């Protein structure tokens, strides 16, 4: 049984003026096991809210020159890597994102089709190709990043710097631990 306790906090805004905290359930259930469903739900909500174009229409978001094309699953991550790290082969992108190569290939094809990335001959191996972000892709990424930063800044405006840093550190720890748990055969 989970006991809910309401913490009322003046910094919290929105439909519920407080935060709901669940105490540990009776019966010896330990760790995050009893929070798994809540954690999953909140991570899915965050992903949806931060996805480029959320809530602005089926295919485009923003207004006027700020329209962002709707991306395939994984497309934004691939574009982000191309913009921030430079050219990559599809195989490298799949390895780095720990994603299925066929899914990465579909995301890449969509980026190329939309003019956000281009295929170029690999300078080290003329038989292979690398993907490179186009100028349009870099501009679109910059707009999406600015939108996401503005949204996060607005959402955390009343938070202390310690709260924001703490959240980032916990999410980084969770991500690392999820990667380790998901791929135990890769541990040294």
C-alpha atoms as a PDB file:
ATOM      1  CA  UNK A   1       0.000   0.000   0.000  1.00  0.00           C
ATOM      2  CA  UNK A   2       1.335   3.449  -0.951  1.00  0.00           C
ATOM      3  CA  UNK A   3       0.534   6.390   1.293  1.00  0.00           C
ATOM      4  CA  UNK A   4       0.317   9.755  -0.470  1.00  0.00           C
ATOM      5  CA  UNK A   5       1.398  12.916   1.325  1.00  0.00           C
ATOM      6  CA  UNK A   6       0.785  16.367  -0.163  1.00  0.00           C
ATOM      7  CA  UNK A   7       3.634  18.845   0.159  1.00  0.00           C
ATOM      8  CA  UNK A   8       2.312  22.333  -0.456  1.00  0.00           C
ATOM      9  CA  UNK A   9       4.907  24.540  -2.011  1.00  0.00           C
ATOM     10  CA  UNK A  10       4.364  28.139  -3.093  1.00  0.00           C
ATOM     11  CA  UNK A  11       6.825  27.707  -5.967  1.00  0.00           C
ATOM     12  CA  UNK A  12       4.617  25.119  -7.657  1.00  0.00           C
ATOM     13  CA  UNK A  13       2.143  26.426 -10.188  1.00  0.00           C
ATOM     14  CA  UNK A  14      -0.397  24.738 -12.368  1.00  0.00           C
ATOM     15  CA  UNK A  15      -3.580  22.777 -11.845  1.00  0.00           C
ATOM     16  CA  UNK A  16      -2.333  21.220  -8.586  1.00  0.00           C
ATOM     17  CA  UNK A  17      -0.804  23.644  -6.109  1.00  0.00           C
ATOM     18  CA  UNK A  18       1.497  21.150  -4.459  1.00  0.00           C
ATOM     19  CA  UNK A  19       3.531  18.066  -5.019  1.00  0.00           C
ATOM     20  CA  UNK A  20       2.365  14.578  -4.299  1.00  0.00           C
ATOM     21  CA  UNK A  21       4.966  12.398  -2.587  1.00  0.00           C
ATOM     22  CA  UNK A  22       4.430   8.687  -2.102  1.00  0.00           C
ATOM     23  CA  UNK A  23       5.920   7.108   0.990  1.00  0.00           C
ATOM     24  CA  UNK A  24       7.503   3.691   0.741  1.00  0.00           C
ATOM     25  CA  UNK A  25       4.868   0.958   0.572  1.00  0.00           C
ATOM     26  CA  UNK A  26       4.338  -1.471   3.415  1.00  0.00           C
ATOM     27  CA  UNK A  27       5.520  -5.018   2.955  1.00  0.00           C
ATOM     28  CA  UNK A  28       9.236  -4.513   2.425  1.00  0.00           C
ATOM     29  CA  UNK A  29       9.198  -3.466  -1.232  1.00  0.00           C
ATOM     30  CA  UNK A  30      12.578  -1.750  -1.712  1.00  0.00           C
ATOM     31  CA  UNK A  31      14.265   0.700  -4.055  1.00  0.00           C
ATOM     32  CA  UNK A  32      12.537   2.283  -7.005  1.00  0.00           C
ATOM     33  CA  UNK A  33      10.443  -0.796  -7.804  1.00  0.00           C
ATOM     34  CA  UNK A  34       7.258   0.722  -6.415  1.00  0.00           C
ATOM     35  CA  UNK A  35       7.913   3.951  -8.333  1.00  0.00           C
ATOM     36  CA  UNK A  36       8.629   2.311 -11.698  1.00  0.00           C
ATOM     37  CA  UNK A  37       5.229   3.060 -13.246  1.00  0.00           C
ATOM     38  CA  UNK A  38       5.223   6.678 -12.032  1.00  0.00           C
ATOM     39  CA  UNK A  39       8.789   7.216 -13.215  1.00  0.00           C
ATOM     40  CA  UNK A  40       8.031   5.722 -16.620  1.00  0.00           C
ATOM     41  CA  UNK A  41       4.898   7.861 -16.991  1.00  0.00           C
ATOM     42  CA  UNK A  42       6.732  11.061 -16.081  1.00  0.00           C
ATOM     43  CA  UNK A  43       9.662  10.320 -18.401  1.00  0.00           C
ATOM     44  CA  UNK A  44       7.205   9.694 -21.251  1.00  0.00           C
ATOM     45  CA  UNK A  45       5.416  12.971 -20.507  1.00  0.00           C
ATOM     46  CA  UNK A  46       8.734  14.857 -20.472  1.00  0.00           C
ATOM     47  CA  UNK A  47       9.761  13.271 -23.774  1.00  0.00           C
ATOM     48  CA  UNK A  48       6.454  14.261 -25.355  1.00  0.00           C
ATOM     49  CA  UNK A  49       6.635  17.825 -24.025  1.00  0.00           C
ATOM     50  CA  UNK A  50      10.213  18.383 -25.192  1.00  0.00           C
ATOM     51  CA  UNK A  51       9.798  16.782 -28.608  1.00  0.00           C
ATOM     52  CA  UNK A  52      10.248  19.381 -31.344  1.00  0.00           C
ATOM     53  CA  UNK A  53       6.835  20.533 -32.528  1.00  0.00           C
ATOM     54  CA  UNK A  54       4.725  19.094 -29.733  1.00  0.00           C
ATOM     55  CA  UNK A  55       1.225  20.482 -29.559  1.00  0.00           C
ATOM     56  CA  UNK A  56       1.478  22.648 -32.655  1.00  0.00           C
ATOM     57  CA  UNK A  57       0.000  20.445 -35.336  1.00  0.00           C
ATOM     58  CA  UNK A  58       0.588  17.159 -37.030  1.00  0.00           C
ATOM     59  CA  UNK A  59       3.378  18.074 -39.432  1.00  0.00           C
ATOM     60  CA  UNK A  60       4.771  21.436 -38.454  1.00  0.00           C
ATOM     61  CA  UNK A  61       5.180  23.529 -35.368  1.00  0.00           C
ATOM     62  CA  UNK A  62       5.780  27.167 -34.661  1.00  0.00           C
ATOM     63  CA  UNK A  63       4.704  30.193 -36.629  1.00  0.00           C
ATOM     64  CA  UNK A  64       5.979  31.742 -39.831  1.00  0.00           C
ATOM     65  CA  UNK A  65       9.726  31.267 -40.295  1.00  0.00           C
ATOM     66  CA  UNK A  66       9.932  29.322 -37.050  1.00  0.00           C
ATOM     67  CA  UNK A  67       8.217  26.200 -38.420  1.00  0.00           C
ATOM     68  CA  UNK A  68       9.943  22.945 -37.560  1.00  0.00           C
ATOM     69  CA  UNK A  69       9.276  19.787 -39.573  1.00  0.00           C
ATOM     70  CA  UNK A  70       7.939  16.885 -37.532  1.00  0.00           C
ATOM     71  CA  UNK A  71      10.722  14.323 -37.151  1.00  0.00           C
ATOM     72  CA  UNK A  72      10.684  10.564 -37.099  1.00  0.00           C
ATOM     73  CA  UNK A  73      11.480   8.847 -33.846  1.00  0.00           C
ATOM     74  CA  UNK A  74      15.212   9.241 -33.280  1.00  0.00           C
ATOM     75  CA  UNK A  75      15.581  11.837 -36.020  1.00  0.00           C
ATOM     76  CA  UNK A  76      16.227  14.705 -33.639  1.00  0.00           C
ATOM     77  CA  UNK A  77      18.915  12.739 -31.783  1.00  0.00           C
ATOM     78  CA  UNK A  78      20.638  11.838 -35.052  1.00  0.00           C
ATOM     79  CA  UNK A  79      20.462  15.449 -36.255  1.00  0.00           C
ATOM     80  CA  UNK A  80      21.810  16.661 -32.899  1.00  0.00           C
ATOM     81  CA  UNK A  81      24.812  14.347 -33.231  1.00  0.00           C
ATOM     82  CA  UNK A  82      25.496  15.490 -36.788  1.00  0.00           C
ATOM     83  CA  UNK A  83      25.287  19.162 -35.795  1.00  0.00           C
ATOM     84  CA  UNK A  84      27.276  18.954 -32.566  1.00  0.00           C
ATOM     85  CA  UNK A  85      29.813  16.253 -33.464  1.00  0.00           C
ATOM     86  CA  UNK A  86      30.153  16.420 -37.229  1.00  0.00           C
ATOM     87  CA  UNK A  87      29.866  13.719 -39.903  1.00  0.00           C
ATOM     88  CA  UNK A  88      29.043  10.110 -38.971  1.00  0.00           C
ATOM     89  CA  UNK A  89      28.376   6.842 -40.745  1.00  0.00           C
ATOM     90  CA  UNK A  90      24.975   5.232 -40.127  1.00  0.00           C
ATOM     91  CA  UNK A  91      26.659   2.347 -38.307  1.00  0.00           C
ATOM     92  CA  UNK A  92      28.397   4.795 -35.936  1.00  0.00           C
ATOM     93  CA  UNK A  93      25.113   6.586 -35.255  1.00  0.00           C
ATOM     94  CA  UNK A  94      23.413   3.288 -34.425  1.00  0.00           C
ATOM     95  CA  UNK A  95      26.244   2.253 -32.102  1.00  0.00           C
ATOM     96  CA  UNK A  96      26.386   5.628 -30.339  1.00  0.00           C
ATOM     97  CA  UNK A  97      22.619   5.793 -29.788  1.00  0.00           C
ATOM     98  CA  UNK A  98      22.383   2.063 -29.018  1.00  0.00           C
ATOM     99  CA  UNK A  99      19.525   1.919 -31.477  1.00  0.00           C
ATOM    100  CA  UNK A 100      18.538  -0.626 -34.091  1.00  0.00           C
ATOM    101  CA  UNK A 101      20.464   0.145 -37.319  1.00  0.00           C
ATOM    102  CA  UNK A 102      17.282  -0.153 -39.424  1.00  0.00           C
ATOM    103  CA  UNK A 103      15.550   2.472 -37.236  1.00  0.00           C
ATOM    104  CA  UNK A 104      18.547   4.795 -37.513  1.00  0.00           C
ATOM    105  CA  UNK A 105      18.594   4.233 -41.269  1.00  0.00           C
ATOM    106  CA  UNK A 106      14.903   5.263 -41.496  1.00  0.00           C
ATOM    107  CA  UNK A 107      15.596   8.375 -39.388  1.00  0.00           C
ATOM    108  CA  UNK A 108      18.556   9.249 -41.622  1.00  0.00           C
ATOM    109  CA  UNK A 109      16.483   8.773 -44.790  1.00  0.00           C
ATOM    110  CA  UNK A 110      13.824  11.125 -43.408  1.00  0.00           C
ATOM    111  CA  UNK A 111      16.471  13.745 -42.544  1.00  0.00           C
ATOM    112  CA  UNK A 112      17.969  13.510 -46.034  1.00  0.00           C
ATOM    113  CA  UNK A 113      14.522  13.635 -47.669  1.00  0.00           C
ATOM    114  CA  UNK A 114      13.710  16.831 -45.742  1.00  0.00           C
ATOM    115  CA  UNK A 115      17.012  18.463 -46.636  1.00  0.00           C
ATOM    116  CA  UNK A 116      18.289  18.428 -43.040  1.00  0.00           C
ATOM    117  CA  UNK A 117      21.230  16.107 -43.790  1.00  0.00           C
ATOM    118  CA  UNK A 118      23.212  14.966 -46.815  1.00  0.00           C
ATOM    119  CA  UNK A 119      25.172  11.857 -47.695  1.00  0.00           C
ATOM    120  CA  UNK A 120      28.813  12.462 -48.649  1.00  0.00           C
ATOM    121  CA  UNK A 121      31.592  10.083 -49.623  1.00  0.00           C
ATOM    122  CA  UNK A 122      33.689   9.096 -46.606  1.00  0.00           C
ATOM    123  CA  UNK A 123      37.140  10.695 -47.085  1.00  0.00           C
ATOM    124  CA  UNK A 124      38.788   7.623 -45.488  1.00  0.00           C
ATOM    125  CA  UNK A 125      36.855   5.062 -47.556  1.00  0.00           C
ATOM    126  CA  UNK A 126      35.342   6.197 -50.850  1.00  0.00           C
ATOM    127  CA  UNK A 127      33.013   3.167 -50.877  1.00  0.00           C
ATOM    128  CA  UNK A 128      31.302   4.296 -47.649  1.00  0.00           C
ATOM    129  CA  UNK A 129      29.163   7.350 -46.971  1.00  0.00           C
ATOM    130  CA  UNK A 130      28.975   9.755 -44.096  1.00  0.00           C
ATOM    131  CA  UNK A 131      26.048  11.878 -43.076  1.00  0.00           C
ATOM    132  CA  UNK A 132      26.494  15.612 -42.684  1.00  0.00           C
ATOM    133  CA  UNK A 133      23.998  18.165 -41.383  1.00  0.00           C
ATOM    134  CA  UNK A 134      23.006  20.737 -43.996  1.00  0.00           C
ATOM    135  CA  UNK A 135      22.777  24.450 -43.269  1.00  0.00           C
ATOM    136  CA  UNK A 136      18.989  24.020 -43.117  1.00  0.00           C
ATOM    137  CA  UNK A 137      19.475  21.143 -40.656  1.00  0.00           C
ATOM    138  CA  UNK A 138      21.758  23.255 -38.448  1.00  0.00           C
ATOM    139  CA  UNK A 139      19.237  26.116 -38.488  1.00  0.00           C
ATOM    140  CA  UNK A 140      16.342  23.788 -37.648  1.00  0.00           C
ATOM    141  CA  UNK A 141      18.342  22.212 -34.820  1.00  0.00           C
ATOM    142  CA  UNK A 142      19.196  25.675 -33.430  1.00  0.00           C
ATOM    143  CA  UNK A 143      15.508  26.697 -33.452  1.00  0.00           C
ATOM    144  CA  UNK A 144      14.419  23.454 -31.787  1.00  0.00           C
ATOM    145  CA  UNK A 145      17.168  23.803 -29.161  1.00  0.00           C
ATOM    146  CA  UNK A 146      16.185  27.429 -28.470  1.00  0.00           C
ATOM    147  CA  UNK A 147      12.519  26.409 -28.106  1.00  0.00           C
ATOM    148  CA  UNK A 148      13.408  23.576 -25.719  1.00  0.00           C
ATOM    149  CA  UNK A 149      15.729  25.810 -23.660  1.00  0.00           C
ATOM    150  CA  UNK A 150      13.076  28.516 -23.410  1.00  0.00           C
ATOM    151  CA  UNK A 151      10.464  25.986 -22.319  1.00  0.00           C
ATOM    152  CA  UNK A 152      12.753  24.470 -19.686  1.00  0.00           C
ATOM    153  CA  UNK A 153      13.795  27.927 -18.461  1.00  0.00           C
ATOM    154  CA  UNK A 154      10.158  28.928 -18.099  1.00  0.00           C
ATOM    155  CA  UNK A 155       9.234  25.686 -16.345  1.00  0.00           C
ATOM    156  CA  UNK A 156      12.112  25.966 -13.847  1.00  0.00           C
ATOM    157  CA  UNK A 157      12.133  29.751 -13.399  1.00  0.00           C
ATOM    158  CA  UNK A 158      11.117  29.503  -9.738  1.00  0.00           C
ATOM    159  CA  UNK A 159      13.511  26.636  -8.991  1.00  0.00           C
ATOM    160  CA  UNK A 160      16.797  27.202  -7.206  1.00  0.00           C
ATOM    161  CA  UNK A 161      19.990  26.546  -9.113  1.00  0.00           C
ATOM    162  CA  UNK A 162      20.670  23.667  -6.706  1.00  0.00           C
ATOM    163  CA  UNK A 163      17.311  22.083  -7.653  1.00  0.00           C
ATOM    164  CA  UNK A 164      18.059  22.325 -11.385  1.00  0.00           C
ATOM    165  CA  UNK A 165      21.613  20.994 -10.969  1.00  0.00           C
ATOM    166  CA  UNK A 166      20.355  18.207  -8.712  1.00  0.00           C
ATOM    167  CA  UNK A 167      17.722  17.166 -11.258  1.00  0.00           C
ATOM    168  CA  UNK A 168      20.283  17.119 -14.084  1.00  0.00           C
ATOM    169  CA  UNK A 169      22.720  15.066 -12.008  1.00  0.00           C
ATOM    170  CA  UNK A 170      20.025  12.561 -11.023  1.00  0.00           C
ATOM    171  CA  UNK A 171      18.847  12.210 -14.634  1.00  0.00           C
ATOM    172  CA  UNK A 172      22.446  11.673 -15.800  1.00  0.00           C
ATOM    173  CA  UNK A 173      22.879   9.007 -13.109  1.00  0.00           C
ATOM    174  CA  UNK A 174      19.584   7.348 -14.056  1.00  0.00           C
ATOM    175  CA  UNK A 175      20.555   7.326 -17.748  1.00  0.00           C
ATOM    176  CA  UNK A 176      23.958   5.779 -17.016  1.00  0.00           C
ATOM    177  CA  UNK A 177      22.406   3.153 -14.732  1.00  0.00           C
ATOM    178  CA  UNK A 178      19.695   2.338 -17.294  1.00  0.00           C
ATOM    179  CA  UNK A 179      22.357   1.890 -19.983  1.00  0.00           C
ATOM    180  CA  UNK A 180      24.327  -0.422 -17.693  1.00  0.00           C
ATOM    181  CA  UNK A 181      21.230  -2.419 -16.761  1.00  0.00           C
ATOM    182  CA  UNK A 182      20.099  -2.631 -20.396  1.00  0.00           C
ATOM    183  CA  UNK A 183      23.489  -3.871 -21.646  1.00  0.00           C
ATOM    184  CA  UNK A 184      25.047  -5.959 -18.832  1.00  0.00           C
ATOM    185  CA  UNK A 185      27.178  -7.914 -21.341  1.00  0.00           C
ATOM    186  CA  UNK A 186      29.143  -4.718 -22.138  1.00  0.00           C
ATOM    187  CA  UNK A 187      30.355  -4.204 -18.552  1.00  0.00           C
ATOM    188  CA  UNK A 188      34.039  -4.628 -17.886  1.00  0.00           C
END
